[in-house]
mmCIF file of all heavy atoms, coordinates in Angstrom:
data_MODEL
# 
_entry.id   MODEL 
# 
loop_
_atom_site.group_PDB 
_atom_site.id 
_atom_site.type_symbol 
_atom_site.label_atom_id 
_atom_site.label_alt_id 
_atom_site.label_comp_id 
_atom_site.label_asym_id 
_atom_site.label_entity_id 
_atom_site.label_seq_id 
_atom_site.pdbx_PDB_ins_code 
_atom_site.Cartn_x 
_atom_site.Cartn_y 
_atom_site.Cartn_z 
_atom_site.occupancy 
_atom_site.B_iso_or_equiv 
_atom_site.pdbx_formal_charge 
_atom_site.auth_seq_id 
_atom_site.auth_comp_id 
_atom_site.auth_asym_id 
_atom_site.auth_atom_id 
_atom_site.pdbx_PDB_model_num 
ATOM 1   N N   . GLN A 1 1  ? 0.404  -3.000  19.109  1.00 0.00 ? 1  GLN A N   1 
ATOM 2   C CA  . GLN A 1 1  ? -0.495 -2.339  18.166  1.00 0.00 ? 1  GLN A CA  1 
ATOM 3   C C   . GLN A 1 1  ? -1.264 -3.372  17.345  1.00 0.00 ? 1  GLN A C   1 
ATOM 4   O O   . GLN A 1 1  ? -0.862 -4.534  17.241  1.00 0.00 ? 1  GLN A O   1 
ATOM 5   C CB  . GLN A 1 1  ? 0.298  -1.434  17.219  1.00 0.00 ? 1  GLN A CB  1 
ATOM 6   C CG  . GLN A 1 1  ? 1.139  -0.376  17.912  1.00 0.00 ? 1  GLN A CG  1 
ATOM 7   C CD  . GLN A 1 1  ? 0.293  0.643   18.650  1.00 0.00 ? 1  GLN A CD  1 
ATOM 8   O OE1 . GLN A 1 1  ? -0.757 1.077   18.156  1.00 0.00 ? 1  GLN A OE1 1 
ATOM 9   N NE2 . GLN A 1 1  ? 0.723  1.011   19.837  1.00 0.00 ? 1  GLN A NE2 1 
ATOM 10  N N   . GLN A 1 2  ? -2.367 -2.905  16.745  1.00 0.00 ? 2  GLN A N   1 
ATOM 11  C CA  . GLN A 1 2  ? -3.108 -3.768  15.840  1.00 0.00 ? 2  GLN A CA  1 
ATOM 12  C C   . GLN A 1 2  ? -2.413 -3.828  14.484  1.00 0.00 ? 2  GLN A C   1 
ATOM 13  O O   . GLN A 1 2  ? -1.679 -2.921  14.102  1.00 0.00 ? 2  GLN A O   1 
ATOM 14  C CB  . GLN A 1 2  ? -4.539 -3.243  15.673  1.00 0.00 ? 2  GLN A CB  1 
ATOM 15  C CG  . GLN A 1 2  ? -5.410 -3.405  16.901  1.00 0.00 ? 2  GLN A CG  1 
ATOM 16  C CD  . GLN A 1 2  ? -6.864 -3.068  16.628  1.00 0.00 ? 2  GLN A CD  1 
ATOM 17  O OE1 . GLN A 1 2  ? -7.181 -2.292  15.731  1.00 0.00 ? 2  GLN A OE1 1 
ATOM 18  N NE2 . GLN A 1 2  ? -7.755 -3.655  17.406  1.00 0.00 ? 2  GLN A NE2 1 
ATOM 19  N N   . ARG A 1 3  ? -2.680 -4.910  13.787  1.00 0.00 ? 3  ARG A N   1 
ATOM 20  C CA  . ARG A 1 3  ? -2.162 -5.029  12.430  1.00 0.00 ? 3  ARG A CA  1 
ATOM 21  C C   . ARG A 1 3  ? -2.841 -3.972  11.558  1.00 0.00 ? 3  ARG A C   1 
ATOM 22  O O   . ARG A 1 3  ? -4.056 -3.786  11.626  1.00 0.00 ? 3  ARG A O   1 
ATOM 23  C CB  . ARG A 1 3  ? -2.417 -6.424  11.874  1.00 0.00 ? 3  ARG A CB  1 
ATOM 24  C CG  . ARG A 1 3  ? -1.702 -6.727  10.565  1.00 0.00 ? 3  ARG A CG  1 
ATOM 25  C CD  . ARG A 1 3  ? -1.857 -8.192  10.176  1.00 0.00 ? 3  ARG A CD  1 
ATOM 26  N NE  . ARG A 1 3  ? -1.251 -9.083  11.164  1.00 0.00 ? 3  ARG A NE  1 
ATOM 27  C CZ  . ARG A 1 3  ? -1.122 -10.391 10.967  1.00 0.00 ? 3  ARG A CZ  1 
ATOM 28  N NH1 . ARG A 1 3  ? -1.536 -10.950 9.836   1.00 0.00 ? 3  ARG A NH1 1 
ATOM 29  N NH2 . ARG A 1 3  ? -0.587 -11.153 11.908  1.00 0.00 ? 3  ARG A NH2 1 
ATOM 30  N N   . GLU A 1 4  ? -2.058 -3.305  10.707  1.00 0.00 ? 4  GLU A N   1 
ATOM 31  C CA  . GLU A 1 4  ? -2.592 -2.233  9.886   1.00 0.00 ? 4  GLU A CA  1 
ATOM 32  C C   . GLU A 1 4  ? -2.139 -2.385  8.438   1.00 0.00 ? 4  GLU A C   1 
ATOM 33  O O   . GLU A 1 4  ? -1.057 -2.913  8.162   1.00 0.00 ? 4  GLU A O   1 
ATOM 34  C CB  . GLU A 1 4  ? -2.149 -0.862  10.416  1.00 0.00 ? 4  GLU A CB  1 
ATOM 35  C CG  . GLU A 1 4  ? -0.648 -0.622  10.394  1.00 0.00 ? 4  GLU A CG  1 
ATOM 36  C CD  . GLU A 1 4  ? -0.252 0.752   10.890  1.00 0.00 ? 4  GLU A CD  1 
ATOM 37  O OE1 . GLU A 1 4  ? -1.115 1.496   11.402  1.00 0.00 ? 4  GLU A OE1 1 
ATOM 38  O OE2 . GLU A 1 4  ? 0.949  1.090   10.748  1.00 0.00 ? 4  GLU A OE2 1 
ATOM 39  N N   . LEU A 1 5  ? -2.977 -1.858  7.565   1.00 0.00 ? 5  LEU A N   1 
ATOM 40  C CA  . LEU A 1 5  ? -2.653 -1.886  6.143   1.00 0.00 ? 5  LEU A CA  1 
ATOM 41  C C   . LEU A 1 5  ? -1.491 -0.942  5.854   1.00 0.00 ? 5  LEU A C   1 
ATOM 42  O O   . LEU A 1 5  ? -1.443 0.170   6.360   1.00 0.00 ? 5  LEU A O   1 
ATOM 43  C CB  . LEU A 1 5  ? -3.868 -1.454  5.323   1.00 0.00 ? 5  LEU A CB  1 
ATOM 44  C CG  . LEU A 1 5  ? -3.626 -1.226  3.842   1.00 0.00 ? 5  LEU A CG  1 
ATOM 45  C CD1 . LEU A 1 5  ? -3.368 -2.552  3.142   1.00 0.00 ? 5  LEU A CD1 1 
ATOM 46  C CD2 . LEU A 1 5  ? -4.808 -0.505  3.218   1.00 0.00 ? 5  LEU A CD2 1 
ATOM 47  N N   . VAL A 1 6  ? -0.572 -1.416  5.009   1.00 0.00 ? 6  VAL A N   1 
ATOM 48  C CA  . VAL A 1 6  ? 0.504  -0.564  4.509   1.00 0.00 ? 6  VAL A CA  1 
ATOM 49  C C   . VAL A 1 6  ? 0.238  -0.197  3.058   1.00 0.00 ? 6  VAL A C   1 
ATOM 50  O O   . VAL A 1 6  ? 0.229  0.976   2.687   1.00 0.00 ? 6  VAL A O   1 
ATOM 51  C CB  . VAL A 1 6  ? 1.870  -1.266  4.628   1.00 0.00 ? 6  VAL A CB  1 
ATOM 52  C CG1 . VAL A 1 6  ? 2.968  -0.410  4.001   1.00 0.00 ? 6  VAL A CG1 1 
ATOM 53  C CG2 . VAL A 1 6  ? 2.193  -1.587  6.078   1.00 0.00 ? 6  VAL A CG2 1 
ATOM 54  N N   . ALA A 1 7  ? 0.012  -1.222  2.233   1.00 0.00 ? 7  ALA A N   1 
ATOM 55  C CA  . ALA A 1 7  ? -0.214 -0.985  0.805   1.00 0.00 ? 7  ALA A CA  1 
ATOM 56  C C   . ALA A 1 7  ? -0.930 -2.175  0.210   1.00 0.00 ? 7  ALA A C   1 
ATOM 57  O O   . ALA A 1 7  ? -0.751 -3.311  0.677   1.00 0.00 ? 7  ALA A O   1 
ATOM 58  C CB  . ALA A 1 7  ? 1.107  -0.753  0.079   1.00 0.00 ? 7  ALA A CB  1 
ATOM 59  N N   . ARG A 1 8  ? -1.714 -1.927  -0.833  1.00 0.00 ? 8  ARG A N   1 
ATOM 60  C CA  . ARG A 1 8  ? -2.392 -2.995  -1.545  1.00 0.00 ? 8  ARG A CA  1 
ATOM 61  C C   . ARG A 1 8  ? -2.224 -2.772  -3.043  1.00 0.00 ? 8  ARG A C   1 
ATOM 62  O O   . ARG A 1 8  ? -2.063 -1.629  -3.514  1.00 0.00 ? 8  ARG A O   1 
ATOM 63  C CB  . ARG A 1 8  ? -3.876 -3.046  -1.212  1.00 0.00 ? 8  ARG A CB  1 
ATOM 64  C CG  . ARG A 1 8  ? -4.177 -3.454  0.211   1.00 0.00 ? 8  ARG A CG  1 
ATOM 65  C CD  . ARG A 1 8  ? -5.590 -4.034  0.349   1.00 0.00 ? 8  ARG A CD  1 
ATOM 66  N NE  . ARG A 1 8  ? -5.771 -5.254  -0.398  1.00 0.00 ? 8  ARG A NE  1 
ATOM 67  C CZ  . ARG A 1 8  ? -5.407 -6.469  0.023   1.00 0.00 ? 8  ARG A CZ  1 
ATOM 68  N NH1 . ARG A 1 8  ? -4.831 -6.608  1.210   1.00 0.00 ? 8  ARG A NH1 1 
ATOM 69  N NH2 . ARG A 1 8  ? -5.630 -7.530  -0.713  1.00 0.00 ? 8  ARG A NH2 1 
ATOM 70  N N   . ILE A 1 9  ? -2.270 -3.877  -3.776  1.00 0.00 ? 9  ILE A N   1 
ATOM 71  C CA  . ILE A 1 9  ? -2.240 -3.815  -5.234  1.00 0.00 ? 9  ILE A CA  1 
ATOM 72  C C   . ILE A 1 9  ? -3.206 -4.858  -5.756  1.00 0.00 ? 9  ILE A C   1 
ATOM 73  O O   . ILE A 1 9  ? -3.158 -6.026  -5.363  1.00 0.00 ? 9  ILE A O   1 
ATOM 74  C CB  . ILE A 1 9  ? -0.796 -4.007  -5.776  1.00 0.00 ? 9  ILE A CB  1 
ATOM 75  C CG1 . ILE A 1 9  ? -0.767 -3.844  -7.291  1.00 0.00 ? 9  ILE A CG1 1 
ATOM 76  C CG2 . ILE A 1 9  ? -0.182 -5.330  -5.334  1.00 0.00 ? 9  ILE A CG2 1 
ATOM 77  C CD1 . ILE A 1 9  ? 0.646  -3.676  -7.847  1.00 0.00 ? 9  ILE A CD1 1 
ATOM 78  N N   . THR A 1 10 ? -4.079 -4.425  -6.648  1.00 0.00 ? 10 THR A N   1 
ATOM 79  C CA  . THR A 1 10 ? -5.110 -5.323  -7.149  1.00 0.00 ? 10 THR A CA  1 
ATOM 80  C C   . THR A 1 10 ? -4.577 -6.202  -8.275  1.00 0.00 ? 10 THR A C   1 
ATOM 81  O O   . THR A 1 10 ? -3.441 -6.035  -8.742  1.00 0.00 ? 10 THR A O   1 
ATOM 82  C CB  . THR A 1 10 ? -6.302 -4.524  -7.670  1.00 0.00 ? 10 THR A CB  1 
ATOM 83  O OG1 . THR A 1 10 ? -5.904 -3.820  -8.863  1.00 0.00 ? 10 THR A OG1 1 
ATOM 84  C CG2 . THR A 1 10 ? -6.812 -3.542  -6.633  1.00 0.00 ? 10 THR A CG2 1 
ATOM 85  N N   . THR A 1 11 ? -5.433 -7.116  -8.726  1.00 0.00 ? 11 THR A N   1 
ATOM 86  C CA  . THR A 1 11 ? -5.044 -7.957  -9.851  1.00 0.00 ? 11 THR A CA  1 
ATOM 87  C C   . THR A 1 11 ? -4.765 -7.119  -11.096 1.00 0.00 ? 11 THR A C   1 
ATOM 88  O O   . THR A 1 11 ? -3.949 -7.504  -11.938 1.00 0.00 ? 11 THR A O   1 
ATOM 89  C CB  . THR A 1 11 ? -6.141 -8.975  -10.157 1.00 0.00 ? 11 THR A CB  1 
ATOM 90  O OG1 . THR A 1 11 ? -7.376 -8.282  -10.385 1.00 0.00 ? 11 THR A OG1 1 
ATOM 91  C CG2 . THR A 1 11 ? -6.334 -9.949  -8.999  1.00 0.00 ? 11 THR A CG2 1 
ATOM 92  N N   . GLY A 1 12 ? -5.409 -5.976  -11.200 1.00 0.00 ? 12 GLY A N   1 
ATOM 93  C CA  . GLY A 1 12 ? -5.214 -5.098  -12.350 1.00 0.00 ? 12 GLY A CA  1 
ATOM 94  C C   . GLY A 1 12 ? -4.085 -4.109  -12.193 1.00 0.00 ? 12 GLY A C   1 
ATOM 95  O O   . GLY A 1 12 ? -3.814 -3.323  -13.112 1.00 0.00 ? 12 GLY A O   1 
ATOM 96  N N   . GLY A 1 13 ? -3.442 -4.110  -11.034 1.00 0.00 ? 13 GLY A N   1 
ATOM 97  C CA  . GLY A 1 13 ? -2.299 -3.227  -10.818 1.00 0.00 ? 13 GLY A CA  1 
ATOM 98  C C   . GLY A 1 13 ? -2.618 -1.910  -10.141 1.00 0.00 ? 13 GLY A C   1 
ATOM 99  O O   . GLY A 1 13 ? -1.716 -1.075  -9.940  1.00 0.00 ? 13 GLY A O   1 
ATOM 100 N N   . SER A 1 14 ? -3.880 -1.696  -9.749  1.00 0.00 ? 14 SER A N   1 
ATOM 101 C CA  . SER A 1 14 ? -4.213 -0.480  -9.001  1.00 0.00 ? 14 SER A CA  1 
ATOM 102 C C   . SER A 1 14 ? -3.662 -0.582  -7.588  1.00 0.00 ? 14 SER A C   1 
ATOM 103 O O   . SER A 1 14 ? -3.699 -1.654  -6.977  1.00 0.00 ? 14 SER A O   1 
ATOM 104 C CB  . SER A 1 14 ? -5.722 -0.287  -8.956  1.00 0.00 ? 14 SER A CB  1 
ATOM 105 O OG  . SER A 1 14 ? -6.244 -0.107  -10.244 1.00 0.00 ? 14 SER A OG  1 
ATOM 106 N N   . THR A 1 15 ? -3.182 0.542   -7.079  1.00 0.00 ? 15 THR A N   1 
ATOM 107 C CA  . THR A 1 15 ? -2.540 0.538   -5.770  1.00 0.00 ? 15 THR A CA  1 
ATOM 108 C C   . THR A 1 15 ? -3.200 1.537   -4.823  1.00 0.00 ? 15 THR A C   1 
ATOM 109 O O   . THR A 1 15 ? -3.814 2.520   -5.261  1.00 0.00 ? 15 THR A O   1 
ATOM 110 C CB  . THR A 1 15 ? -1.051 0.901   -5.878  1.00 0.00 ? 15 THR A CB  1 
ATOM 111 O OG1 . THR A 1 15 ? -0.920 2.196   -6.486  1.00 0.00 ? 15 THR A OG1 1 
ATOM 112 C CG2 . THR A 1 15 ? -0.301 -0.120  -6.709  1.00 0.00 ? 15 THR A CG2 1 
ATOM 113 N N   . ASN A 1 16 ? -3.094 1.253   -3.541  1.00 0.00 ? 16 ASN A N   1 
ATOM 114 C CA  . ASN A 1 16 ? -3.442 2.254   -2.543  1.00 0.00 ? 16 ASN A CA  1 
ATOM 115 C C   . ASN A 1 16 ? -2.510 2.074   -1.349  1.00 0.00 ? 16 ASN A C   1 
ATOM 116 O O   . ASN A 1 16 ? -2.003 0.972   -1.093  1.00 0.00 ? 16 ASN A O   1 
ATOM 117 C CB  . ASN A 1 16 ? -4.908 2.189   -2.113  1.00 0.00 ? 16 ASN A CB  1 
ATOM 118 C CG  . ASN A 1 16 ? -5.270 0.942   -1.363  1.00 0.00 ? 16 ASN A CG  1 
ATOM 119 O OD1 . ASN A 1 16 ? -5.407 -0.119  -1.950  1.00 0.00 ? 16 ASN A OD1 1 
ATOM 120 N ND2 . ASN A 1 16 ? -5.431 1.049   -0.056  1.00 0.00 ? 16 ASN A ND2 1 
ATOM 121 N N   . TYR A 1 17 ? -2.263 3.172   -0.666  1.00 0.00 ? 17 TYR A N   1 
ATOM 122 C CA  . TYR A 1 17 ? -1.275 3.222   0.411   1.00 0.00 ? 17 TYR A CA  1 
ATOM 123 C C   . TYR A 1 17 ? -1.860 3.879   1.650   1.00 0.00 ? 17 TYR A C   1 
ATOM 124 O O   . TYR A 1 17 ? -2.695 4.777   1.568   1.00 0.00 ? 17 TYR A O   1 
ATOM 125 C CB  . TYR A 1 17 ? -0.049 4.032   -0.032  1.00 0.00 ? 17 TYR A CB  1 
ATOM 126 C CG  . TYR A 1 17 ? 0.697  3.455   -1.201  1.00 0.00 ? 17 TYR A CG  1 
ATOM 127 C CD1 . TYR A 1 17 ? 0.369  3.811   -2.501  1.00 0.00 ? 17 TYR A CD1 1 
ATOM 128 C CD2 . TYR A 1 17 ? 1.724  2.548   -0.995  1.00 0.00 ? 17 TYR A CD2 1 
ATOM 129 C CE1 . TYR A 1 17 ? 1.044  3.263   -3.582  1.00 0.00 ? 17 TYR A CE1 1 
ATOM 130 C CE2 . TYR A 1 17 ? 2.415  2.005   -2.065  1.00 0.00 ? 17 TYR A CE2 1 
ATOM 131 C CZ  . TYR A 1 17 ? 2.077  2.363   -3.354  1.00 0.00 ? 17 TYR A CZ  1 
ATOM 132 O OH  . TYR A 1 17 ? 2.750  1.822   -4.416  1.00 0.00 ? 17 TYR A OH  1 
ATOM 133 N N   . ALA A 1 18 ? -1.380 3.421   2.793   1.00 0.00 ? 18 ALA A N   1 
ATOM 134 C CA  . ALA A 1 18 ? -1.712 4.108   4.031   1.00 0.00 ? 18 ALA A CA  1 
ATOM 135 C C   . ALA A 1 18 ? -1.040 5.478   4.030   1.00 0.00 ? 18 ALA A C   1 
ATOM 136 O O   . ALA A 1 18 ? 0.067  5.640   3.495   1.00 0.00 ? 18 ALA A O   1 
ATOM 137 C CB  . ALA A 1 18 ? -1.237 3.291   5.220   1.00 0.00 ? 18 ALA A CB  1 
ATOM 138 N N   . ASP A 1 19 ? -1.699 6.459   4.635   1.00 0.00 ? 19 ASP A N   1 
ATOM 139 C CA  . ASP A 1 19 ? -1.173 7.825   4.607   1.00 0.00 ? 19 ASP A CA  1 
ATOM 140 C C   . ASP A 1 19 ? 0.267  7.937   5.120   1.00 0.00 ? 19 ASP A C   1 
ATOM 141 O O   . ASP A 1 19 ? 1.074  8.679   4.548   1.00 0.00 ? 19 ASP A O   1 
ATOM 142 C CB  . ASP A 1 19 ? -2.088 8.754   5.405   1.00 0.00 ? 19 ASP A CB  1 
ATOM 143 C CG  . ASP A 1 19 ? -3.378 9.079   4.666   1.00 0.00 ? 19 ASP A CG  1 
ATOM 144 O OD1 . ASP A 1 19 ? -3.431 8.856   3.447   1.00 0.00 ? 19 ASP A OD1 1 
ATOM 145 O OD2 . ASP A 1 19 ? -4.336 9.538   5.321   1.00 0.00 ? 19 ASP A OD2 1 
ATOM 146 N N   . PRO A 1 20 ? 0.635  7.226   6.201   1.00 0.00 ? 20 PRO A N   1 
ATOM 147 C CA  . PRO A 1 20 ? 2.007  7.403   6.728   1.00 0.00 ? 20 PRO A CA  1 
ATOM 148 C C   . PRO A 1 20 ? 3.119  6.977   5.781   1.00 0.00 ? 20 PRO A C   1 
ATOM 149 O O   . PRO A 1 20 ? 4.274  7.359   5.982   1.00 0.00 ? 20 PRO A O   1 
ATOM 150 C CB  . PRO A 1 20 ? 2.016  6.530   7.989   1.00 0.00 ? 20 PRO A CB  1 
ATOM 151 C CG  . PRO A 1 20 ? 0.592  6.413   8.390   1.00 0.00 ? 20 PRO A CG  1 
ATOM 152 C CD  . PRO A 1 20 ? -0.166 6.369   7.092   1.00 0.00 ? 20 PRO A CD  1 
ATOM 153 N N   . VAL A 1 21 ? 2.780  6.177   4.757   1.00 0.00 ? 21 VAL A N   1 
ATOM 154 C CA  . VAL A 1 21 ? 3.837  5.669   3.874   1.00 0.00 ? 21 VAL A CA  1 
ATOM 155 C C   . VAL A 1 21 ? 3.764  6.234   2.473   1.00 0.00 ? 21 VAL A C   1 
ATOM 156 O O   . VAL A 1 21 ? 4.636  5.947   1.649   1.00 0.00 ? 21 VAL A O   1 
ATOM 157 C CB  . VAL A 1 21 ? 3.824  4.125   3.820   1.00 0.00 ? 21 VAL A CB  1 
ATOM 158 C CG1 . VAL A 1 21 ? 3.839  3.535   5.233   1.00 0.00 ? 21 VAL A CG1 1 
ATOM 159 C CG2 . VAL A 1 21 ? 2.647  3.587   3.025   1.00 0.00 ? 21 VAL A CG2 1 
ATOM 160 N N   . LYS A 1 22 ? 2.758  7.034   2.189   1.00 0.00 ? 22 LYS A N   1 
ATOM 161 C CA  . LYS A 1 22 ? 2.612  7.598   0.843   1.00 0.00 ? 22 LYS A CA  1 
ATOM 162 C C   . LYS A 1 22 ? 3.844  8.417   0.471   1.00 0.00 ? 22 LYS A C   1 
ATOM 163 O O   . LYS A 1 22 ? 4.335  9.216   1.268   1.00 0.00 ? 22 LYS A O   1 
ATOM 164 C CB  . LYS A 1 22 ? 1.363  8.463   0.778   1.00 0.00 ? 22 LYS A CB  1 
ATOM 165 C CG  . LYS A 1 22 ? 0.070  7.681   0.683   1.00 0.00 ? 22 LYS A CG  1 
ATOM 166 C CD  . LYS A 1 22 ? -1.137 8.609   0.598   1.00 0.00 ? 22 LYS A CD  1 
ATOM 167 C CE  . LYS A 1 22 ? -2.431 7.817   0.493   1.00 0.00 ? 22 LYS A CE  1 
ATOM 168 N NZ  . LYS A 1 22 ? -3.630 8.700   0.480   1.00 0.00 ? 22 LYS A NZ  1 
ATOM 169 N N   . GLY A 1 23 ? 4.311  8.190   -0.730  1.00 0.00 ? 23 GLY A N   1 
ATOM 170 C CA  . GLY A 1 23 ? 5.495  8.898   -1.212  1.00 0.00 ? 23 GLY A CA  1 
ATOM 171 C C   . GLY A 1 23 ? 6.805  8.267   -0.801  1.00 0.00 ? 23 GLY A C   1 
ATOM 172 O O   . GLY A 1 23 ? 7.869  8.665   -1.298  1.00 0.00 ? 23 GLY A O   1 
ATOM 173 N N   . ARG A 1 24 ? 6.774  7.287   0.099   1.00 0.00 ? 24 ARG A N   1 
ATOM 174 C CA  . ARG A 1 24 ? 8.004  6.626   0.553   1.00 0.00 ? 24 ARG A CA  1 
ATOM 175 C C   . ARG A 1 24 ? 8.037  5.146   0.170   1.00 0.00 ? 24 ARG A C   1 
ATOM 176 O O   . ARG A 1 24 ? 9.107  4.599   -0.089  1.00 0.00 ? 24 ARG A O   1 
ATOM 177 C CB  . ARG A 1 24 ? 8.137  6.749   2.074   1.00 0.00 ? 24 ARG A CB  1 
ATOM 178 C CG  . ARG A 1 24 ? 8.196  8.171   2.586   1.00 0.00 ? 24 ARG A CG  1 
ATOM 179 C CD  . ARG A 1 24 ? 8.531  8.212   4.076   1.00 0.00 ? 24 ARG A CD  1 
ATOM 180 N NE  . ARG A 1 24 ? 7.517  7.566   4.902   1.00 0.00 ? 24 ARG A NE  1 
ATOM 181 C CZ  . ARG A 1 24 ? 7.753  6.557   5.738   1.00 0.00 ? 24 ARG A CZ  1 
ATOM 182 N NH1 . ARG A 1 24 ? 8.972  6.070   5.865   1.00 0.00 ? 24 ARG A NH1 1 
ATOM 183 N NH2 . ARG A 1 24 ? 6.770  6.052   6.475   1.00 0.00 ? 24 ARG A NH2 1 
ATOM 184 N N   . PHE A 1 25 ? 6.888  4.506   0.159   1.00 0.00 ? 25 PHE A N   1 
ATOM 185 C CA  . PHE A 1 25 ? 6.800  3.071   -0.130  1.00 0.00 ? 25 PHE A CA  1 
ATOM 186 C C   . PHE A 1 25 ? 6.159  2.862   -1.501  1.00 0.00 ? 25 PHE A C   1 
ATOM 187 O O   . PHE A 1 25 ? 5.272  3.614   -1.899  1.00 0.00 ? 25 PHE A O   1 
ATOM 188 C CB  . PHE A 1 25 ? 5.958  2.357   0.918   1.00 0.00 ? 25 PHE A CB  1 
ATOM 189 C CG  . PHE A 1 25 ? 6.572  2.257   2.287   1.00 0.00 ? 25 PHE A CG  1 
ATOM 190 C CD1 . PHE A 1 25 ? 7.705  2.972   2.642   1.00 0.00 ? 25 PHE A CD1 1 
ATOM 191 C CD2 . PHE A 1 25 ? 5.991  1.443   3.251   1.00 0.00 ? 25 PHE A CD2 1 
ATOM 192 C CE1 . PHE A 1 25 ? 8.255  2.885   3.909   1.00 0.00 ? 25 PHE A CE1 1 
ATOM 193 C CE2 . PHE A 1 25 ? 6.528  1.332   4.521   1.00 0.00 ? 25 PHE A CE2 1 
ATOM 194 C CZ  . PHE A 1 25 ? 7.651  2.063   4.849   1.00 0.00 ? 25 PHE A CZ  1 
ATOM 195 N N   . THR A 1 26 ? 6.585  1.794   -2.173  1.00 0.00 ? 26 THR A N   1 
ATOM 196 C CA  . THR A 1 26 ? 6.002  1.429   -3.457  1.00 0.00 ? 26 THR A CA  1 
ATOM 197 C C   . THR A 1 26 ? 5.765  -0.073  -3.502  1.00 0.00 ? 26 THR A C   1 
ATOM 198 O O   . THR A 1 26 ? 6.698  -0.854  -3.249  1.00 0.00 ? 26 THR A O   1 
ATOM 199 C CB  . THR A 1 26 ? 6.930  1.827   -4.618  1.00 0.00 ? 26 THR A CB  1 
ATOM 200 O OG1 . THR A 1 26 ? 7.195  3.231   -4.562  1.00 0.00 ? 26 THR A OG1 1 
ATOM 201 C CG2 . THR A 1 26 ? 6.285  1.482   -5.957  1.00 0.00 ? 26 THR A CG2 1 
ATOM 202 N N   . VAL A 1 27 ? 4.538  -0.456  -3.827  1.00 0.00 ? 27 VAL A N   1 
ATOM 203 C CA  . VAL A 1 27 ? 4.193  -1.866  -3.961  1.00 0.00 ? 27 VAL A CA  1 
ATOM 204 C C   . VAL A 1 27 ? 4.142  -2.215  -5.452  1.00 0.00 ? 27 VAL A C   1 
ATOM 205 O O   . VAL A 1 27 ? 3.679  -1.410  -6.274  1.00 0.00 ? 27 VAL A O   1 
ATOM 206 C CB  . VAL A 1 27 ? 2.853  -2.186  -3.263  1.00 0.00 ? 27 VAL A CB  1 
ATOM 207 C CG1 . VAL A 1 27 ? 1.699  -1.400  -3.862  1.00 0.00 ? 27 VAL A CG1 1 
ATOM 208 C CG2 . VAL A 1 27 ? 2.570  -3.686  -3.280  1.00 0.00 ? 27 VAL A CG2 1 
ATOM 209 N N   . SER A 1 28 ? 4.631  -3.403  -5.797  1.00 0.00 ? 28 SER A N   1 
ATOM 210 C CA  . SER A 1 28 ? 4.631  -3.837  -7.194  1.00 0.00 ? 28 SER A CA  1 
ATOM 211 C C   . SER A 1 28 ? 4.467  -5.349  -7.259  1.00 0.00 ? 28 SER A C   1 
ATOM 212 O O   . SER A 1 28 ? 4.754  -6.062  -6.292  1.00 0.00 ? 28 SER A O   1 
ATOM 213 C CB  . SER A 1 28 ? 5.922  -3.409  -7.895  1.00 0.00 ? 28 SER A CB  1 
ATOM 214 O OG  . SER A 1 28 ? 7.054  -4.000  -7.283  1.00 0.00 ? 28 SER A OG  1 
ATOM 215 N N   . ARG A 1 29 ? 4.027  -5.811  -8.430  1.00 0.00 ? 29 ARG A N   1 
ATOM 216 C CA  . ARG A 1 29 ? 3.795  -7.237  -8.609  1.00 0.00 ? 29 ARG A CA  1 
ATOM 217 C C   . ARG A 1 29 ? 4.116  -7.661  -10.045 1.00 0.00 ? 29 ARG A C   1 
ATOM 218 O O   . ARG A 1 29 ? 3.243  -7.699  -10.905 1.00 0.00 ? 29 ARG A O   1 
ATOM 219 C CB  . ARG A 1 29 ? 2.360  -7.602  -8.244  1.00 0.00 ? 29 ARG A CB  1 
ATOM 220 C CG  . ARG A 1 29 ? 1.288  -6.900  -9.056  1.00 0.00 ? 29 ARG A CG  1 
ATOM 221 C CD  . ARG A 1 29 ? -0.133 -7.328  -8.599  1.00 0.00 ? 29 ARG A CD  1 
ATOM 222 N NE  . ARG A 1 29 ? -0.356 -8.742  -8.762  1.00 0.00 ? 29 ARG A NE  1 
ATOM 223 C CZ  . ARG A 1 29 ? -1.392 -9.395  -8.232  1.00 0.00 ? 29 ARG A CZ  1 
ATOM 224 N NH1 . ARG A 1 29 ? -2.274 -8.728  -7.503  1.00 0.00 ? 29 ARG A NH1 1 
ATOM 225 N NH2 . ARG A 1 29 ? -1.541 -10.681 -8.428  1.00 0.00 ? 29 ARG A NH2 1 
# 
């Protein structure tokens, strides 16, 4: 498979998640 986005978090702490992992995964920094 191709590499795919799971989750991102910006310098300001905003996050976004791929649909398959929403509600199950949490990214933090």
